[in-house]
N, C-alpha and C. Protein backbone atom coordinates (compact mmCIF):
# COMPACT_ATOMS: atom_id res chain seq x y z
N MET A 1 0.82 -1.20 0.00
CA MET A 1 0.00 0.00 0.00
C MET A 1 0.86 1.26 0.00
N GLN A 2 1.98 1.22 0.74
CA GLN A 2 2.85 2.39 0.79
C GLN A 2 3.47 2.66 -0.58
N GLU A 3 3.85 1.59 -1.27
CA GLU A 3 4.44 1.76 -2.61
C GLU A 3 3.39 2.30 -3.58
N GLN A 4 2.18 1.80 -3.49
CA GLN A 4 1.12 2.29 -4.36
C GLN A 4 0.84 3.77 -4.09
N GLN A 5 0.86 4.18 -2.84
CA GLN A 5 0.65 5.58 -2.49
C GLN A 5 1.79 6.44 -3.02
N ARG A 6 3.03 5.96 -2.87
CA ARG A 6 4.19 6.70 -3.37
C ARG A 6 4.10 6.88 -4.88
N LEU A 7 3.72 5.83 -5.59
CA LEU A 7 3.60 5.92 -7.04
C LEU A 7 2.46 6.85 -7.45
N ALA A 8 1.37 6.83 -6.70
CA ALA A 8 0.25 7.74 -6.99
C ALA A 8 0.69 9.19 -6.85
N GLU A 9 1.51 9.48 -5.86
CA GLU A 9 2.03 10.84 -5.70
C GLU A 9 2.94 11.21 -6.86
N GLU A 10 3.76 10.25 -7.31
CA GLU A 10 4.67 10.51 -8.44
C GLU A 10 3.90 10.78 -9.73
N VAL A 11 2.81 10.05 -9.94
CA VAL A 11 2.02 10.15 -11.17
C VAL A 11 0.99 11.27 -11.08
N GLY A 12 0.55 11.59 -9.87
CA GLY A 12 -0.41 12.67 -9.70
C GLY A 12 -1.84 12.23 -9.49
N GLU A 13 -2.07 10.93 -9.47
CA GLU A 13 -3.40 10.39 -9.20
C GLU A 13 -3.28 8.91 -8.86
N PRO A 14 -4.33 8.33 -8.26
CA PRO A 14 -4.27 6.92 -7.88
C PRO A 14 -4.05 5.99 -9.08
N LEU A 15 -3.42 4.85 -8.81
CA LEU A 15 -3.09 3.89 -9.86
C LEU A 15 -3.76 2.55 -9.63
N PHE A 16 -4.17 1.91 -10.70
CA PHE A 16 -4.48 0.49 -10.71
C PHE A 16 -3.20 -0.19 -11.14
N ILE A 17 -2.80 -1.23 -10.45
CA ILE A 17 -1.59 -1.97 -10.82
C ILE A 17 -1.98 -3.41 -11.10
N THR A 18 -1.69 -3.88 -12.31
CA THR A 18 -1.97 -5.25 -12.70
C THR A 18 -0.64 -5.96 -12.93
N ILE A 19 -0.46 -7.10 -12.27
CA ILE A 19 0.77 -7.88 -12.42
C ILE A 19 0.39 -9.22 -13.03
N ARG A 20 1.03 -9.55 -14.15
CA ARG A 20 0.78 -10.83 -14.81
C ARG A 20 2.05 -11.66 -14.78
N LEU A 21 1.94 -12.89 -14.32
CA LEU A 21 3.05 -13.82 -14.38
C LEU A 21 2.97 -14.51 -15.73
N VAL A 22 3.94 -14.25 -16.59
CA VAL A 22 3.88 -14.75 -17.96
C VAL A 22 4.42 -16.18 -18.01
N TYR A 23 5.68 -16.39 -17.70
CA TYR A 23 6.27 -17.72 -17.66
C TYR A 23 7.64 -17.64 -17.02
N ASP A 24 8.07 -18.70 -16.40
CA ASP A 24 9.42 -18.83 -15.87
C ASP A 24 9.92 -17.59 -15.12
N GLY A 25 9.05 -17.00 -14.32
CA GLY A 25 9.43 -15.82 -13.54
C GLY A 25 9.34 -14.50 -14.28
N PHE A 26 9.02 -14.54 -15.57
CA PHE A 26 8.88 -13.33 -16.38
C PHE A 26 7.55 -12.69 -16.03
N ILE A 27 7.54 -11.39 -15.79
CA ILE A 27 6.32 -10.70 -15.40
C ILE A 27 6.02 -9.52 -16.31
N GLU A 28 4.76 -9.16 -16.32
CA GLU A 28 4.29 -7.98 -17.05
C GLU A 28 3.53 -7.13 -16.04
N VAL A 29 3.86 -5.85 -15.99
CA VAL A 29 3.19 -4.93 -15.07
C VAL A 29 2.53 -3.83 -15.89
N GLU A 30 1.25 -3.63 -15.63
CA GLU A 30 0.51 -2.54 -16.26
C GLU A 30 0.03 -1.60 -15.17
N VAL A 31 0.23 -0.32 -15.37
CA VAL A 31 -0.31 0.69 -14.47
C VAL A 31 -1.31 1.53 -15.26
N GLN A 32 -2.40 1.86 -14.60
CA GLN A 32 -3.46 2.64 -15.25
C GLN A 32 -4.05 3.58 -14.22
N THR A 33 -4.38 4.79 -14.67
CA THR A 33 -4.99 5.77 -13.78
C THR A 33 -6.50 5.85 -14.05
N PHE A 34 -7.19 6.57 -13.18
CA PHE A 34 -8.62 6.77 -13.35
C PHE A 34 -8.94 7.57 -14.61
N THR A 35 -7.98 8.38 -15.06
CA THR A 35 -8.19 9.19 -16.27
C THR A 35 -7.67 8.48 -17.52
N ASP A 36 -7.44 7.17 -17.41
CA ASP A 36 -7.08 6.30 -18.53
C ASP A 36 -5.68 6.53 -19.09
N ARG A 37 -4.77 6.93 -18.23
CA ARG A 37 -3.36 6.97 -18.62
C ARG A 37 -2.78 5.59 -18.34
N HIS A 38 -1.89 5.10 -19.22
CA HIS A 38 -1.38 3.74 -19.12
C HIS A 38 0.13 3.70 -19.18
N GLY A 39 0.69 2.68 -18.58
CA GLY A 39 2.10 2.35 -18.73
C GLY A 39 2.24 0.84 -18.63
N LEU A 40 3.15 0.26 -19.39
CA LEU A 40 3.32 -1.19 -19.42
C LEU A 40 4.80 -1.50 -19.51
N ALA A 41 5.23 -2.52 -18.77
CA ALA A 41 6.63 -2.95 -18.83
C ALA A 41 6.70 -4.44 -18.53
N THR A 42 7.78 -5.07 -18.97
CA THR A 42 8.01 -6.49 -18.70
C THR A 42 9.41 -6.68 -18.16
N GLY A 43 9.60 -7.76 -17.42
CA GLY A 43 10.92 -8.04 -16.89
C GLY A 43 10.88 -9.19 -15.90
N TYR A 44 11.98 -9.38 -15.18
CA TYR A 44 12.08 -10.46 -14.20
C TYR A 44 12.05 -9.96 -12.76
N SER A 45 12.24 -8.66 -12.55
CA SER A 45 12.25 -8.09 -11.21
C SER A 45 11.01 -7.22 -11.03
N LEU A 46 10.18 -7.56 -10.05
CA LEU A 46 8.95 -6.79 -9.84
C LEU A 46 9.21 -5.32 -9.54
N PRO A 47 10.11 -4.97 -8.61
CA PRO A 47 10.34 -3.54 -8.35
C PRO A 47 10.84 -2.78 -9.59
N GLU A 48 11.75 -3.38 -10.34
CA GLU A 48 12.27 -2.70 -11.54
C GLU A 48 11.20 -2.60 -12.62
N THR A 49 10.40 -3.64 -12.79
CA THR A 49 9.36 -3.64 -13.82
C THR A 49 8.26 -2.64 -13.47
N LEU A 50 7.90 -2.56 -12.19
CA LEU A 50 6.91 -1.59 -11.76
C LEU A 50 7.40 -0.17 -12.01
N ALA A 51 8.66 0.08 -11.68
CA ALA A 51 9.23 1.41 -11.92
C ALA A 51 9.26 1.72 -13.41
N ALA A 52 9.56 0.74 -14.24
CA ALA A 52 9.60 0.94 -15.69
C ALA A 52 8.20 1.22 -16.24
N ALA A 53 7.17 0.57 -15.69
CA ALA A 53 5.80 0.82 -16.14
C ALA A 53 5.38 2.25 -15.82
N VAL A 54 5.72 2.72 -14.63
CA VAL A 54 5.42 4.11 -14.26
C VAL A 54 6.19 5.07 -15.15
N GLU A 55 7.44 4.76 -15.42
CA GLU A 55 8.25 5.58 -16.31
C GLU A 55 7.63 5.64 -17.71
N ALA A 56 7.12 4.50 -18.18
CA ALA A 56 6.46 4.47 -19.49
C ALA A 56 5.22 5.35 -19.50
N LEU A 57 4.44 5.30 -18.41
CA LEU A 57 3.25 6.15 -18.31
C LEU A 57 3.64 7.63 -18.39
N LEU A 58 4.65 8.01 -17.65
CA LEU A 58 5.08 9.42 -17.65
C LEU A 58 5.65 9.83 -19.00
N TYR A 59 6.35 8.92 -19.66
CA TYR A 59 6.89 9.21 -20.99
C TYR A 59 5.74 9.40 -21.99
N LEU A 60 4.73 8.53 -21.92
CA LEU A 60 3.59 8.67 -22.82
C LEU A 60 2.84 9.98 -22.56
N ASP A 61 2.82 10.44 -21.31
CA ASP A 61 2.25 11.76 -21.00
C ASP A 61 2.99 12.85 -21.77
N GLU A 62 4.32 12.76 -21.77
CA GLU A 62 5.14 13.75 -22.50
C GLU A 62 4.86 13.72 -23.99
N VAL A 63 4.75 12.52 -24.55
CA VAL A 63 4.48 12.37 -25.97
C VAL A 63 3.12 12.97 -26.31
N ARG A 64 2.10 12.63 -25.52
CA ARG A 64 0.77 13.19 -25.74
C ARG A 64 0.76 14.71 -25.67
N GLU A 65 1.49 15.24 -24.69
CA GLU A 65 1.55 16.69 -24.51
C GLU A 65 2.19 17.35 -25.74
N SER A 66 3.25 16.75 -26.26
CA SER A 66 3.92 17.33 -27.43
C SER A 66 3.06 17.23 -28.67
N LEU A 67 2.21 16.23 -28.78
CA LEU A 67 1.35 16.08 -29.94
C LEU A 67 0.20 17.07 -29.94
N PHE A 68 -0.29 17.44 -28.77
CA PHE A 68 -1.48 18.28 -28.68
C PHE A 68 -1.18 19.72 -28.31
N ARG A 69 0.03 20.16 -28.55
CA ARG A 69 0.37 21.57 -28.31
C ARG A 69 -0.13 22.44 -29.39
């Protein structure tokens, strides 16, 4: 819960976090906000993959912002 709260503060709103175990320890993490912002990452380490998914969400925010200026 503390990690979810920390990530919500970083992103600016609460997050849904979905973790999928793909195979042989490989995981997929998707983060989604109430306003339909998304981030997705894959890897073998949950903390690193979660951080990468949040980073992807923030990067996509930047891309969207640059497209709609």
